[in-house]
Protein backbone atom coordinates (compact mmCIF):
# COMPACT_ATOMS: atom_id res chain seq x y z
CA MET A 1 0.00 0.00 0.00
CA ALA A 2 1.33 3.46 -0.92
CA ASN A 3 2.79 5.49 1.95
CA TYR A 4 1.24 8.96 1.82
CA GLU A 5 -0.56 11.65 3.83
CA LEU A 6 -3.08 14.27 2.74
CA HIS A 7 -1.91 17.89 2.75
CA PHE A 8 -4.33 20.59 1.60
CA GLY A 9 -6.34 17.73 0.12
CA CYS A 10 -3.40 16.44 -1.95
CA ARG A 11 -1.54 13.19 -1.50
CA VAL A 12 2.05 13.63 -0.33
CA PHE A 13 4.09 10.47 -0.80
CA ASN A 14 6.93 9.63 1.60
CA PRO A 15 5.69 12.04 4.31
CA GLU A 16 8.76 11.30 6.46
CA ASN A 17 10.79 13.19 3.86
CA ALA A 18 8.27 15.95 3.17
CA ARG A 19 10.00 18.61 5.28
CA LEU A 20 13.23 20.39 4.46
CA THR A 21 16.23 19.26 6.53
CA ARG A 22 19.96 19.62 6.19
CA ASP A 23 20.18 15.92 5.33
CA ASN A 24 17.77 16.04 2.40
CA TYR A 25 19.04 19.37 1.08
CA ALA A 26 21.72 19.31 -1.63
CA GLU A 27 21.67 15.53 -1.96
CA ILE A 28 23.89 14.09 -4.70
CA THR A 29 21.72 11.96 -6.95
CA LYS A 30 21.51 11.37 -10.70
CA ARG A 31 18.84 14.04 -10.90
CA THR A 32 20.65 16.70 -8.86
CA ARG A 33 24.07 16.15 -10.38
CA LYS A 34 22.73 16.87 -13.84
CA ASN A 35 24.22 19.96 -15.46
CA SER A 36 21.17 22.22 -15.65
CA PHE A 37 22.89 24.38 -18.26
CA PHE A 38 23.29 21.43 -20.62
CA PRO A 39 20.61 21.43 -23.35
CA ASN A 40 17.91 18.79 -22.99
CA HIS A 41 18.85 15.84 -25.15
CA SER A 42 16.88 12.59 -25.14
CA LEU A 43 19.99 10.60 -26.11
CA PHE A 44 21.85 11.49 -22.90
CA SER A 45 18.83 11.13 -20.57
CA LYS A 46 18.53 7.44 -21.51
CA LEU A 47 22.15 6.67 -20.61
CA ASP A 48 23.89 6.08 -17.28
CA ILE A 49 25.95 8.96 -15.93
CA GLU A 50 29.31 7.59 -17.10
CA GLU A 51 27.91 6.55 -20.47
CA ALA A 52 26.32 9.96 -21.02
CA ASN A 53 29.53 11.81 -20.16
CA GLU A 54 31.68 9.56 -22.32
CA CYS A 55 29.23 9.97 -25.19
CA TYR A 56 29.41 13.73 -24.72
CA TRP A 57 33.22 13.64 -24.71
CA SER A 58 33.37 11.63 -27.92
CA MET A 59 31.05 14.17 -29.60
CA PHE A 60 33.01 17.09 -28.17
CA GLU A 61 36.29 15.56 -29.30
CA LYS A 62 34.97 14.87 -32.79
CA TYR A 63 33.12 18.11 -33.51
CA LYS A 64 34.08 20.84 -31.04
CA LEU A 65 37.79 20.20 -31.26
CA ALA A 66 37.58 20.07 -35.03
CA ASP A 67 35.87 23.46 -34.97
CA TYR A 68 38.52 24.77 -32.61
CA TYR A 69 41.37 23.65 -34.86
CA LYS A 70 39.72 25.34 -37.83
CA GLU A 71 39.24 28.51 -35.79
CA MET A 72 42.84 28.44 -34.59
CA LYS A 73 44.14 27.85 -38.12
CA LEU A 74 42.30 30.97 -39.32
CA PHE A 75 43.54 32.95 -36.33
CA LEU A 76 47.18 31.96 -36.89
CA SER A 77 46.83 32.86 -40.56
CA TYR A 78 45.50 36.28 -39.54
CA PHE A 79 48.30 36.57 -36.98
CA GLU A 80 50.90 36.08 -39.71
CA GLU A 81 49.15 38.56 -42.00
CA ILE A 82 49.02 41.22 -39.28
CA ASN A 83 52.78 41.00 -38.82
CA LYS A 84 53.58 41.51 -42.50
CA GLY A 85 53.05 45.27 -42.80
CA THR A 86 52.68 48.29 -40.54
CA GLU A 87 50.03 50.05 -42.62
CA PHE A 88 47.76 46.98 -42.77
CA ARG A 89 48.19 46.45 -39.04
CA GLU A 90 47.26 50.05 -38.22
CA ASN A 91 44.20 50.00 -40.47
CA GLU A 92 42.99 46.74 -38.95
CA LEU A 93 43.36 48.13 -35.44
CA LYS A 94 41.44 51.30 -36.36
CA GLU A 95 38.57 49.30 -37.84
CA PHE A 96 38.55 46.96 -34.85
CA ILE A 97 38.37 49.86 -32.38
CA LYS A 98 35.59 51.47 -34.40
CA ASP A 99 33.60 48.24 -34.38
CA GLN A 100 34.14 47.70 -30.63
CA LEU A 101 33.04 51.25 -29.86
CA ASN A 102 29.84 50.84 -31.87
CA LYS A 103 29.07 47.57 -30.08
CA ARG A 104 29.60 49.17 -26.66
CA ILE A 105 27.41 52.17 -27.55
CA GLU A 106 24.58 49.97 -28.82
CA ASN A 107 24.88 47.65 -25.81
CA GLU A 108 24.50 50.59 -23.40
CA LYS A 109 21.32 51.70 -25.16
CA ARG A 110 19.99 48.14 -25.28
CA ASN A 111 20.64 47.52 -21.57
CA ASN A 112 18.99 50.79 -20.64
CA SER A 113 15.91 49.78 -22.58
CA ILE A 114 15.72 46.23 -21.19
CA PHE A 115 16.52 47.02 -17.56
CA PHE A 116 14.90 50.44 -17.15
CA LEU A 117 12.68 51.75 -19.95
CA ASP A 118 10.81 48.43 -20.19
CA SER A 119 10.67 47.92 -16.42
CA LYS A 120 7.34 47.59 -14.62
CA ASP A 121 8.71 49.89 -11.90
CA PRO A 122 7.76 53.55 -12.63
CA LEU A 123 10.88 54.78 -10.81
CA LYS A 124 13.14 52.66 -13.01
CA GLN A 125 11.25 53.83 -16.08
CA GLU A 126 11.93 57.45 -15.13
CA ILE A 127 15.64 56.68 -14.64
CA GLY A 128 15.65 55.01 -18.05
CA LYS A 129 14.10 58.06 -19.72
CA GLN A 130 16.65 60.39 -18.15
CA TYR A 131 19.55 58.14 -19.09
CA ALA A 132 18.24 57.84 -22.66
CA GLU A 133 18.41 61.65 -22.87
CA ILE A 134 21.97 61.60 -21.55
CA LEU A 135 23.02 58.99 -24.11
CA GLU A 136 21.31 60.92 -26.89
CA LYS A 137 23.26 64.14 -26.20
CA ASN A 138 26.31 62.18 -24.94
CA ALA A 139 26.80 64.54 -22.01
CA ILE A 140 25.76 64.88 -18.37
CA ASP A 141 25.49 67.83 -15.98
CA ASN A 142 24.90 68.41 -12.26
CA SER A 143 21.12 68.34 -12.65
CA TYR A 144 21.22 64.53 -12.72
CA ASP A 145 21.54 62.39 -9.59
CA ASN A 146 24.65 60.44 -8.57
CA GLU A 147 23.33 57.09 -9.80
CA LEU A 148 23.06 58.38 -13.36
CA LYS A 149 26.43 60.10 -13.11
CA GLU A 150 28.09 56.86 -11.98
CA ARG A 151 26.49 54.90 -14.82
CA TYR A 152 27.49 57.45 -17.42
CA ASN A 153 31.06 57.80 -16.07
CA LYS A 154 31.49 54.02 -16.12
CA TYR A 155 30.25 53.96 -19.71
CA GLN A 156 32.66 56.75 -20.71
CA HIS A 157 35.51 54.93 -18.96
CA ASP A 158 34.77 51.80 -21.02
CA LEU A 159 34.80 53.84 -24.24
CA LYS A 160 38.15 55.37 -23.23
CA ILE A 161 39.66 51.91 -22.67
CA ILE A 162 38.43 50.73 -26.07
CA ASN A 163 39.91 53.81 -27.73
CA GLU A 164 43.27 52.92 -26.17
CA TYR A 165 43.30 49.31 -27.41
CA ASP A 166 46.63 48.27 -28.91
CA LEU A 167 47.54 45.36 -31.17
CA SER A 168 47.83 42.87 -28.31
CA ASP A 169 44.32 43.74 -27.07
CA MET A 170 42.90 43.20 -30.53
CA MET A 171 44.64 39.86 -30.99
CA TRP A 172 43.53 38.66 -27.56
CA ILE A 173 39.88 39.51 -28.23
CA LYS A 174 40.02 37.93 -31.68
CA SER A 175 41.73 34.73 -30.47
CA PRO A 176 39.72 31.46 -30.12
CA LYS A 177 37.61 31.26 -26.97
CA LEU A 178 38.91 27.81 -26.03
CA TRP A 179 42.51 29.02 -26.17
CA LYS A 180 41.61 31.95 -23.89
CA GLU A 181 40.05 29.52 -21.40
CA TRP A 182 43.33 27.63 -21.28
CA LYS A 183 45.27 30.85 -20.73
CA HIS A 184 42.86 31.92 -17.99
CA ASP A 185 43.41 28.64 -16.16
CA ASP A 186 47.14 29.29 -16.09
CA SER A 187 48.50 32.61 -17.32
CA LYS A 188 51.98 31.05 -17.62
CA ASN A 189 50.83 28.88 -20.51
CA GLN A 190 52.78 29.74 -23.66
CA GLY A 191 52.21 29.17 -27.36
CA PHE A 192 49.13 27.83 -29.11
CA GLU A 193 49.44 24.09 -28.41
CA ILE A 194 46.85 23.10 -25.80
CA PRO A 195 47.58 19.80 -23.97
CA ASP A 196 45.16 16.93 -24.69
CA GLU A 197 44.54 16.29 -20.98
CA TRP A 198 43.38 19.90 -20.50
CA PHE A 199 40.99 19.55 -23.43
CA LYS A 200 39.13 16.69 -21.76
CA GLU A 201 39.15 18.29 -18.31
CA PHE A 202 37.67 21.47 -19.80
CA ALA A 203 35.11 19.59 -21.88
CA MET A 204 33.82 17.67 -18.85
CA ARG A 205 33.08 20.91 -17.01
CA LYS A 206 30.10 21.24 -19.34
CA ALA A 207 29.19 17.55 -19.63
CA PRO A 208 25.57 16.36 -19.06
CA TYR A 209 26.46 15.28 -15.50
CA TYR A 210 28.98 16.79 -13.12
CA THR A 211 31.92 14.75 -11.86
CA ASP A 212 32.06 13.53 -8.24
CA GLU A 213 34.59 16.23 -7.40
CA LYS A 214 32.42 18.99 -8.86
CA CYS A 215 29.30 17.68 -7.08
CA LYS A 216 31.06 17.67 -3.72
CA LYS A 217 32.17 21.28 -4.22
CA LEU A 218 28.64 22.34 -5.18
CA GLN A 219 27.20 20.47 -2.19
CA GLU A 220 29.69 21.98 0.24
CA SER A 221 28.90 25.49 -0.97
CA ALA A 222 25.14 24.84 -0.86
CA LEU A 223 25.26 23.54 2.72
CA LYS A 224 27.21 26.58 3.90
CA ASN A 225 24.52 28.75 2.34
CA PHE A 226 21.82 26.55 3.92
CA ASP A 227 23.28 27.07 7.41
CA VAL A 228 23.45 30.84 6.97
CA ASN A 229 19.83 30.94 5.80
CA MET A 230 18.66 28.85 8.76
CA LEU A 231 20.36 31.25 11.17
CA TYR A 232 18.68 34.10 9.38
CA PHE A 233 15.22 32.51 9.64
CA LYS A 234 15.68 32.03 13.39
CA SER A 235 16.51 35.71 13.82
CA LEU A 236 13.19 36.89 12.36
CA ASP A 237 10.39 38.24 14.54
CA LYS A 238 7.41 35.87 14.52
CA GLU A 239 4.93 38.45 15.88
CA LYS A 240 5.90 40.94 13.19
CA PHE A 241 5.60 38.18 10.57
CA ASN A 242 2.06 37.28 11.61
CA ALA A 243 1.08 40.94 11.99
CA GLU A 244 2.10 41.61 8.38
CA ILE A 245 0.00 38.71 7.14
CA ASP A 246 -3.03 39.94 9.15
CA THR A 247 -2.57 43.46 7.79
CA PHE A 248 -2.24 42.12 4.26
CA LEU A 249 -5.51 40.17 4.51
CA LYS A 250 -7.34 43.24 5.77
CA LYS A 251 -6.00 45.35 2.90
CA HIS A 252 -6.59 42.62 0.30
CA PRO A 253 -9.98 41.01 1.00
CA SER A 254 -9.86 39.55 -2.53
CA PHE A 255 -7.49 36.87 -1.21
CA GLU A 256 -9.14 33.73 0.13
CA VAL A 257 -7.70 31.10 2.44
CA VAL A 258 -7.15 27.75 0.70
CA ASP A 259 -7.96 24.63 2.68
CA ASP A 260 -8.24 22.10 -0.15
CA LEU A 261 -6.24 22.46 -3.36
CA ARG A 262 -8.51 20.00 -5.15
CA LYS A 263 -11.02 22.84 -5.45
CA TYR A 264 -8.47 24.80 -7.50
CA LYS A 265 -7.58 22.37 -10.29
CA THR A 266 -8.23 24.97 -12.98
CA ALA A 267 -8.11 28.17 -10.89
CA ILE A 268 -6.02 30.96 -12.42
CA GLY A 269 -4.63 33.86 -10.42
CA VAL A 270 -2.15 34.85 -7.72
CA TYR A 271 -1.21 32.45 -4.92
CA ILE A 272 0.77 33.00 -1.72
CA LEU A 273 2.58 30.22 0.13
CA ILE A 274 3.23 30.81 3.82
CA LEU A 275 6.00 28.84 5.57
CA ASP A 276 5.39 29.58 9.25
CA GLU A 277 8.35 27.65 10.64
CA TYR A 278 10.76 29.74 8.58
CA LYS A 279 8.70 32.96 8.68
CA GLN A 280 8.83 33.13 4.89
CA ILE A 281 6.29 34.01 2.19
CA TYR A 282 6.33 33.22 -1.52
CA ILE A 283 4.15 35.01 -4.10
CA GLY A 284 3.47 33.43 -7.48
CA ILE A 285 0.99 33.26 -10.34
CA SER A 286 -0.71 30.38 -12.09
CA ARG A 287 -1.54 30.84 -15.75
CA SER A 288 -1.94 27.30 -17.04
CA LYS A 289 -4.81 24.85 -17.34
CA ASN A 290 -3.46 23.00 -14.27
CA GLY A 291 -4.42 25.92 -12.03
CA ILE A 292 -2.76 26.74 -8.73
CA LYS A 293 -3.10 23.11 -7.61
CA GLY A 294 -0.70 21.94 -10.30
CA ARG A 295 1.58 24.95 -9.87
CA ILE A 296 1.94 24.54 -6.11
CA GLN A 297 2.42 20.78 -6.34
CA ALA A 298 5.19 21.47 -8.86
CA HIS A 299 6.96 23.54 -6.17
CA TRP A 300 6.58 20.70 -3.69
CA SER A 301 7.83 17.95 -5.99
CA ASN A 302 10.64 19.79 -7.77
CA ILE A 303 14.18 18.66 -6.97
CA MET A 304 16.69 21.44 -7.48
CA PRO A 305 19.91 20.59 -9.37
CA LEU A 306 23.05 21.24 -7.33
CA ASP A 307 24.10 24.04 -9.65
CA ARG A 308 20.82 25.93 -9.10
CA LEU A 309 20.74 25.91 -5.29
CA ILE A 310 22.85 29.05 -5.02
CA TRP A 311 21.90 32.06 -7.09
CA GLY A 312 24.48 34.76 -6.73
CA ARG A 313 26.97 34.79 -3.88
CA GLU A 314 27.19 31.94 -1.41
CA GLU A 315 27.01 34.31 1.58
CA TYR A 316 23.84 36.06 0.43
CA SER A 317 21.90 33.68 -1.81
CA MET A 318 18.32 32.99 -0.79
CA LEU A 319 16.89 29.48 -0.60
CA SER A 320 14.63 28.74 -3.55
CA ILE A 321 10.97 28.03 -2.83
CA ASP A 322 11.51 24.76 -4.71
CA SER A 323 14.03 23.67 -2.06
CA PHE A 324 11.29 23.52 0.57
CA ARG A 325 9.04 20.47 0.85
CA ALA A 326 5.27 20.04 0.95
CA PHE A 327 4.81 20.10 4.74
CA ASP A 328 6.85 23.32 5.01
CA THR A 329 3.89 25.15 3.45
CA THR A 330 1.47 25.74 6.33
CA ARG A 331 -0.92 28.30 4.81
CA ILE A 332 -2.03 29.14 1.27
CA LEU A 333 -3.80 32.29 0.06
CA PHE A 334 -5.32 32.79 -3.39
CA GLU A 335 -6.65 35.71 -5.39
CA PRO A 336 -8.76 34.43 -8.33
CA HIS A 337 -8.54 36.08 -11.75
CA PRO A 338 -11.15 34.36 -13.91
CA GLU A 339 -10.77 37.10 -16.55
CA PHE A 340 -7.33 35.67 -17.21
CA SER A 341 -8.82 32.51 -18.74
CA GLU A 342 -9.31 33.97 -22.22
CA VAL A 343 -6.77 32.53 -24.66
CA ALA A 344 -5.14 34.82 -27.24
CA THR A 345 -5.67 33.68 -30.83
CA ASP A 346 -4.01 34.40 -34.17
CA GLU A 347 -5.68 35.64 -37.36
CA ASN A 348 -6.88 32.09 -38.07
CA GLY A 349 -8.51 31.68 -34.68
CA ASN A 350 -5.89 29.23 -33.41
CA ALA A 351 -4.54 29.52 -29.86
CA LYS A 352 -1.23 31.36 -29.72
CA LYS A 353 1.60 29.43 -28.11
CA GLY A 354 4.54 30.55 -26.00
CA ILE A 355 7.17 29.18 -23.63
CA PHE A 356 6.52 29.48 -19.89
CA MET A 357 8.60 27.70 -17.25
CA GLY A 358 10.35 25.81 -20.02
CA LYS A 359 7.13 24.38 -21.48
CA GLU A 360 4.93 25.36 -24.38
CA CYS A 361 1.56 26.70 -23.28
CA ASN A 362 -1.21 29.02 -24.41
CA ILE A 363 -0.68 32.79 -24.44
CA TRP A 364 -3.37 34.62 -22.49
CA ASN A 365 -4.79 37.97 -23.50
CA THR A 366 -4.29 39.50 -20.06
CA ALA A 367 -0.83 38.09 -19.32
CA GLU A 368 0.72 41.50 -18.76
CA TYR A 369 -1.94 42.35 -16.17
CA LEU A 370 -1.38 39.25 -14.08
CA GLU A 371 2.41 39.61 -14.26
CA SER A 372 2.18 43.23 -13.10
CA ARG A 373 -0.06 42.13 -10.22
CA GLU A 374 2.60 39.65 -9.11
CA TYR A 375 5.30 42.34 -9.38
CA GLU A 376 3.23 44.81 -7.35
CA LEU A 377 2.59 42.34 -4.53
CA ILE A 378 6.19 41.15 -4.30
CA ASN A 379 7.53 44.69 -4.08
CA ASN A 380 4.87 46.38 -1.96
CA SER A 381 3.00 43.91 0.26
CA PHE A 382 5.47 42.49 2.77
CA SER A 383 8.82 43.37 4.28
CA GLN A 384 11.57 41.91 2.11
CA GLU A 385 12.96 40.02 5.10
CA PHE A 386 9.89 37.75 5.00
CA LEU A 387 9.86 37.13 1.24
CA CYS A 388 11.65 34.18 -0.36
CA ASN A 389 11.01 35.28 -3.95
CA ARG A 390 14.44 35.33 -5.55
CA CYS A 391 13.50 38.05 -8.05
CA ASP A 392 10.95 40.83 -8.51
CA GLY A 393 8.41 38.72 -10.38
CA GLY A 394 6.34 39.80 -13.33
CA GLY A 395 9.22 39.14 -15.70
CA SER A 396 8.93 37.41 -19.02
CA SER A 397 12.56 36.37 -19.50
CA PHE A 398 15.51 34.84 -17.66
CA LEU A 399 17.44 38.06 -18.24
CA GLU A 400 14.83 40.10 -16.37
CA ALA A 401 14.98 37.61 -13.49
CA VAL A 402 18.78 37.93 -13.28
CA VAL A 403 18.60 41.72 -13.28
CA SER A 404 16.07 41.77 -10.42
CA ARG A 405 17.77 39.03 -8.39
CA LYS A 406 17.30 39.53 -4.66
CA GLU A 407 19.85 38.77 -1.92
CA ARG A 408 19.85 38.76 1.85
CA PRO A 409 22.24 41.58 2.87
CA GLN A 410 21.34 40.95 6.51
CA LEU A 411 22.73 37.41 6.62
CA ASN A 412 26.15 38.25 8.01
CA ASN A 413 24.78 41.00 10.23
CA LYS A 414 22.29 38.95 12.17
């Protein structure tokens, strides 16, 4: 007979392991040792760890190294050509500097647009507008605040460095990436002949599964971060935590208390997970046909890869909501948004498709509204010390999540 307990009306298998502990955090298993940055490939998922890595190495050796040798051959040919005549060398350097300057200028404008002008935060939008004006006239005066001055001065400093590039800078930037990796590992390395043993060691850093040595390092780092987070949770004020939740419910009567997730199989809207033992709150949205029931159960059942446990610096990284287990969630709140159920269609009346959480799903007409609601609640509803959202929310890309990544600056001060 299956060993399970009911939790919010849902079956939780292996209840003895349904709470987060130091022992079940950062476990080294086939699932957690998988390189989460390695593209999904059905061929490797069907193989044992050693077989998958050896298969990857044989493919790397056959194709990637062949590409590298071609790239290096072209580079060495260019290297010889550069050293033939002074005039050619000077012209090449001028064109290279011009190209690098244009790239840096365009990148500054692009980053300003992505991180500020397109932000859901009105304050960031205003900063973006001001900085766009500065970039347009390529000058700044004392009427702008220090943040904008620092950004602009850093940008101008980068342009100055590019303008001062010499031949060695150009050749370094143009050299094959793999060769630069080798030089970075040991700056004393000379010449262009990379040892075979280094090739394999480097290749296996990006293999489908991490080596035992790499897994142990990831686990050690994750456990140090775990201990710091646990100390932080203990330092939080429980009365203040509960008072904020009570205040929130009074201000947001649209949120209902969930006692049975089976009633929410297709419910779409904003959900809040409350982890009383840790005095932590997580705010999320459900926008799929599985409703908040499926979305919350996905949090409970997800097993984080070792390389995703820490996001940012070891000393300040927050624990992911997916690291907690089912029984750690003690209360659930939900704000329904039935208007979000309308599916966007194309000119032929077919449902539009998009990628969300790594899976293809329907695109909803009011997606921007629900995302902005999530962003608003994460940033304005609770003290940040009680929130375990790792980013601002409301984003539509991994880049936006990285930009808004949150840390715990209090960890070493508590």
